Amino acid sequence: MRISFITAEEVAELMGISRSKAYQIVRGMNRELKERGYITVAGRCPRRYFQERVYGMVEGGQGTFGRDGDMPVREGGRNE
């Protein structure tokens, strides 16, 4: 399985914001993911999660991050 990540630089370009603000946004999303039990990578976050948080949904319907195999369910828990 390959998960596509978006970088802070891409976030800055897409949203028309500074790189430092984009890094703040990515850090915040990574903090949310870490609290949910996911492993995170500094300076980037899963593209699908970014799309859900920014646009409210992903291609093909409502937001489903972590519910359809894009990201695995955390060990011993269920997706929320």
N, C-alpha and C. Protein backbone atom coordinates (compact mmCIF):
# COMPACT_ATOMS: atom_id res chain seq x y z
N MET A 1 0.85 -1.18 0.00
CA MET A 1 0.00 0.00 0.00
C MET A 1 0.90 1.24 0.00
N ARG A 2 0.57 2.18 -0.84
CA ARG A 2 1.34 3.43 -0.92
C ARG A 2 0.46 4.59 -0.51
N ILE A 3 0.92 5.34 0.48
CA ILE A 3 0.16 6.50 0.95
C ILE A 3 0.82 7.75 0.40
N SER A 4 0.03 8.59 -0.21
CA SER A 4 0.55 9.82 -0.80
C SER A 4 0.57 10.92 0.26
N PHE A 5 1.71 11.54 0.41
CA PHE A 5 1.87 12.62 1.38
C PHE A 5 1.94 13.96 0.67
N ILE A 6 1.46 15.00 1.34
CA ILE A 6 1.60 16.36 0.85
C ILE A 6 2.63 17.05 1.74
N THR A 7 3.50 17.82 1.13
CA THR A 7 4.53 18.51 1.90
C THR A 7 4.05 19.90 2.30
N ALA A 8 4.72 20.47 3.26
CA ALA A 8 4.39 21.83 3.69
C ALA A 8 4.58 22.82 2.54
N GLU A 9 5.58 22.57 1.69
CA GLU A 9 5.80 23.45 0.54
C GLU A 9 4.60 23.42 -0.40
N GLU A 10 4.04 22.21 -0.63
CA GLU A 10 2.85 22.10 -1.48
C GLU A 10 1.65 22.79 -0.84
N VAL A 11 1.52 22.64 0.47
CA VAL A 11 0.42 23.29 1.20
C VAL A 11 0.52 24.80 1.00
N ALA A 12 1.72 25.35 1.14
CA ALA A 12 1.92 26.79 0.97
C ALA A 12 1.50 27.24 -0.43
N GLU A 13 1.90 26.46 -1.42
CA GLU A 13 1.57 26.82 -2.80
C GLU A 13 0.08 26.71 -3.07
N LEU A 14 -0.54 25.62 -2.64
CA LEU A 14 -1.98 25.42 -2.87
C LEU A 14 -2.84 26.47 -2.20
N MET A 15 -2.44 26.86 -0.98
CA MET A 15 -3.26 27.78 -0.20
C MET A 15 -2.84 29.23 -0.35
N GLY A 16 -1.72 29.46 -1.03
CA GLY A 16 -1.24 30.84 -1.20
C GLY A 16 -0.81 31.47 0.11
N ILE A 17 -0.12 30.68 0.93
CA ILE A 17 0.33 31.16 2.24
C ILE A 17 1.84 30.99 2.34
N SER A 18 2.42 31.55 3.38
CA SER A 18 3.87 31.42 3.59
C SER A 18 4.23 29.99 3.98
N ARG A 19 5.49 29.65 3.77
CA ARG A 19 5.96 28.32 4.16
C ARG A 19 5.84 28.12 5.66
N SER A 20 6.14 29.15 6.45
CA SER A 20 6.07 28.99 7.90
C SER A 20 4.63 28.71 8.35
N LYS A 21 3.65 29.37 7.74
CA LYS A 21 2.25 29.11 8.07
C LYS A 21 1.86 27.70 7.63
N ALA A 22 2.35 27.27 6.47
CA ALA A 22 2.06 25.92 5.99
C ALA A 22 2.62 24.88 6.95
N TYR A 23 3.83 25.11 7.46
CA TYR A 23 4.41 24.18 8.43
C TYR A 23 3.57 24.14 9.70
N GLN A 24 3.03 25.27 10.13
CA GLN A 24 2.15 25.29 11.31
C GLN A 24 0.91 24.43 11.07
N ILE A 25 0.34 24.55 9.88
CA ILE A 25 -0.85 23.77 9.54
C ILE A 25 -0.53 22.29 9.53
N VAL A 26 0.57 21.91 8.87
CA VAL A 26 0.97 20.50 8.81
C VAL A 26 1.27 19.96 10.20
N ARG A 27 1.95 20.75 11.03
CA ARG A 27 2.22 20.32 12.41
C ARG A 27 0.92 20.06 13.17
N GLY A 28 -0.04 20.94 12.98
CA GLY A 28 -1.34 20.77 13.65
C GLY A 28 -2.04 19.49 13.21
N MET A 29 -2.02 19.22 11.91
CA MET A 29 -2.65 18.00 11.40
C MET A 29 -1.91 16.77 11.91
N ASN A 30 -0.58 16.83 11.94
CA ASN A 30 0.19 15.70 12.46
C ASN A 30 -0.08 15.48 13.95
N ARG A 31 -0.28 16.55 14.68
CA ARG A 31 -0.62 16.42 16.11
C ARG A 31 -1.96 15.69 16.25
N GLU A 32 -2.94 16.07 15.43
CA GLU A 32 -4.24 15.40 15.46
C GLU A 32 -4.11 13.91 15.14
N LEU A 33 -3.32 13.61 14.11
CA LEU A 33 -3.12 12.21 13.72
C LEU A 33 -2.40 11.42 14.81
N LYS A 34 -1.41 12.03 15.42
CA LYS A 34 -0.65 11.36 16.48
C LYS A 34 -1.57 11.05 17.67
N GLU A 35 -2.46 11.98 18.01
CA GLU A 35 -3.43 11.76 19.09
C GLU A 35 -4.36 10.60 18.78
N ARG A 36 -4.59 10.36 17.49
CA ARG A 36 -5.45 9.26 17.07
C ARG A 36 -4.67 7.95 16.93
N GLY A 37 -3.38 7.99 17.21
CA GLY A 37 -2.58 6.77 17.21
C GLY A 37 -1.81 6.49 15.93
N TYR A 38 -1.77 7.45 15.01
CA TYR A 38 -1.04 7.25 13.76
C TYR A 38 0.41 7.70 13.89
N ILE A 39 1.25 7.13 13.06
CA ILE A 39 2.65 7.55 12.97
C ILE A 39 2.69 8.74 12.01
N THR A 40 3.45 9.75 12.34
CA THR A 40 3.52 10.95 11.50
C THR A 40 4.95 11.20 11.03
N VAL A 41 5.07 12.02 9.99
CA VAL A 41 6.36 12.41 9.43
C VAL A 41 6.42 13.93 9.43
N ALA A 42 7.45 14.50 10.03
CA ALA A 42 7.57 15.95 10.11
C ALA A 42 7.58 16.58 8.72
N GLY A 43 6.84 17.67 8.58
CA GLY A 43 6.85 18.43 7.33
C GLY A 43 5.94 17.90 6.25
N ARG A 44 5.23 16.81 6.53
CA ARG A 44 4.30 16.26 5.55
C ARG A 44 3.19 15.51 6.26
N CYS A 45 2.04 15.41 5.60
CA CYS A 45 0.93 14.65 6.16
C CYS A 45 0.23 13.94 5.01
N PRO A 46 -0.57 12.93 5.32
CA PRO A 46 -1.26 12.23 4.25
C PRO A 46 -2.15 13.19 3.44
N ARG A 47 -2.01 13.12 2.14
CA ARG A 47 -2.75 14.01 1.23
C ARG A 47 -4.26 13.90 1.46
N ARG A 48 -4.74 12.69 1.66
CA ARG A 48 -6.18 12.49 1.86
C ARG A 48 -6.67 13.19 3.13
N TYR A 49 -5.88 13.13 4.20
CA TYR A 49 -6.26 13.80 5.45
C TYR A 49 -6.27 15.32 5.25
N PHE A 50 -5.27 15.83 4.56
CA PHE A 50 -5.23 17.26 4.25
C PHE A 50 -6.49 17.67 3.49
N GLN A 51 -6.86 16.90 2.48
CA GLN A 51 -8.04 17.23 1.68
C GLN A 51 -9.30 17.24 2.54
N GLU A 52 -9.44 16.27 3.41
CA GLU A 52 -10.60 16.23 4.29
C GLU A 52 -10.66 17.43 5.22
N ARG A 53 -9.53 17.78 5.80
CA ARG A 53 -9.49 18.88 6.76
C ARG A 53 -9.69 20.23 6.09
N VAL A 54 -9.20 20.39 4.87
CA VAL A 54 -9.29 21.68 4.18
C VAL A 54 -10.60 21.80 3.39
N TYR A 55 -10.93 20.76 2.64
CA TYR A 55 -12.09 20.82 1.76
C TYR A 55 -13.33 20.18 2.35
N GLY A 56 -13.19 19.41 3.42
CA GLY A 56 -14.34 18.81 4.07
C GLY A 56 -14.74 17.46 3.50
N MET A 57 -14.17 17.09 2.38
CA MET A 57 -14.45 15.78 1.82
C MET A 57 -13.37 15.44 0.81
N VAL A 58 -13.40 14.22 0.35
CA VAL A 58 -12.43 13.78 -0.64
C VAL A 58 -13.15 13.38 -1.91
N GLU A 59 -12.40 13.17 -2.96
CA GLU A 59 -12.96 12.77 -4.23
C GLU A 59 -13.82 11.53 -4.03
N GLY A 60 -15.03 11.56 -4.57
CA GLY A 60 -15.89 10.39 -4.48
C GLY A 60 -16.83 10.40 -3.29
N GLY A 61 -16.89 11.46 -2.51
CA GLY A 61 -17.87 11.47 -1.43
C GLY A 61 -17.38 12.12 -0.16
N GLN A 62 -18.01 11.72 0.92
CA GLN A 62 -17.71 12.29 2.22
C GLN A 62 -16.34 11.87 2.70
N GLY A 63 -15.84 12.57 3.69
CA GLY A 63 -14.54 12.24 4.27
C GLY A 63 -14.54 10.85 4.88
N THR A 64 -13.50 10.08 4.57
CA THR A 64 -13.44 8.71 5.06
C THR A 64 -12.04 8.36 5.52
N PHE A 65 -11.22 9.32 5.88
CA PHE A 65 -9.83 9.03 6.23
C PHE A 65 -9.76 7.97 7.32
N GLY A 66 -9.00 6.92 7.06
CA GLY A 66 -8.81 5.87 8.04
C GLY A 66 -9.92 4.85 8.10
N ARG A 67 -10.90 4.94 7.22
CA ARG A 67 -12.02 4.00 7.28
C ARG A 67 -12.11 3.07 6.08
N ASP A 68 -11.34 3.32 5.04
CA ASP A 68 -11.47 2.50 3.84
C ASP A 68 -10.16 1.89 3.37
N GLY A 69 -9.22 1.72 4.28
CA GLY A 69 -7.97 1.10 3.92
C GLY A 69 -6.87 2.08 3.55
N ASP A 70 -7.18 3.37 3.48
CA ASP A 70 -6.15 4.35 3.16
C ASP A 70 -5.11 4.41 4.26
N MET A 71 -5.55 4.38 5.48
CA MET A 71 -4.67 4.32 6.65
C MET A 71 -5.21 3.19 7.53
N PRO A 72 -4.35 2.39 8.12
CA PRO A 72 -4.83 1.27 8.93
C PRO A 72 -5.46 1.75 10.24
N VAL A 73 -6.38 0.94 10.72
CA VAL A 73 -6.98 1.21 12.03
C VAL A 73 -5.89 1.02 13.07
N ARG A 74 -5.86 1.91 14.05
CA ARG A 74 -4.81 1.79 15.08
C ARG A 74 -5.01 0.50 15.85
N GLU A 75 -3.93 -0.03 16.32
CA GLU A 75 -3.92 -1.30 17.02
C GLU A 75 -4.77 -1.21 18.28
N GLY A 76 -5.67 -2.18 18.45
CA GLY A 76 -6.49 -2.24 19.66
C GLY A 76 -7.61 -1.23 19.69
N GLY A 77 -7.85 -0.56 18.59
CA GLY A 77 -8.90 0.47 18.59
C GLY A 77 -9.66 0.49 17.29
N ARG A 78 -10.52 1.44 17.19
CA ARG A 78 -11.26 1.59 15.95
C ARG A 78 -11.15 3.03 15.50
N ASN A 79 -11.43 3.25 14.25
CA ASN A 79 -11.40 4.63 13.74
C ASN A 79 -12.56 5.41 14.30
N GLU A 80 -12.32 6.68 14.51
CA GLU A 80 -13.36 7.53 15.08
C GLU A 80 -13.91 8.46 14.05
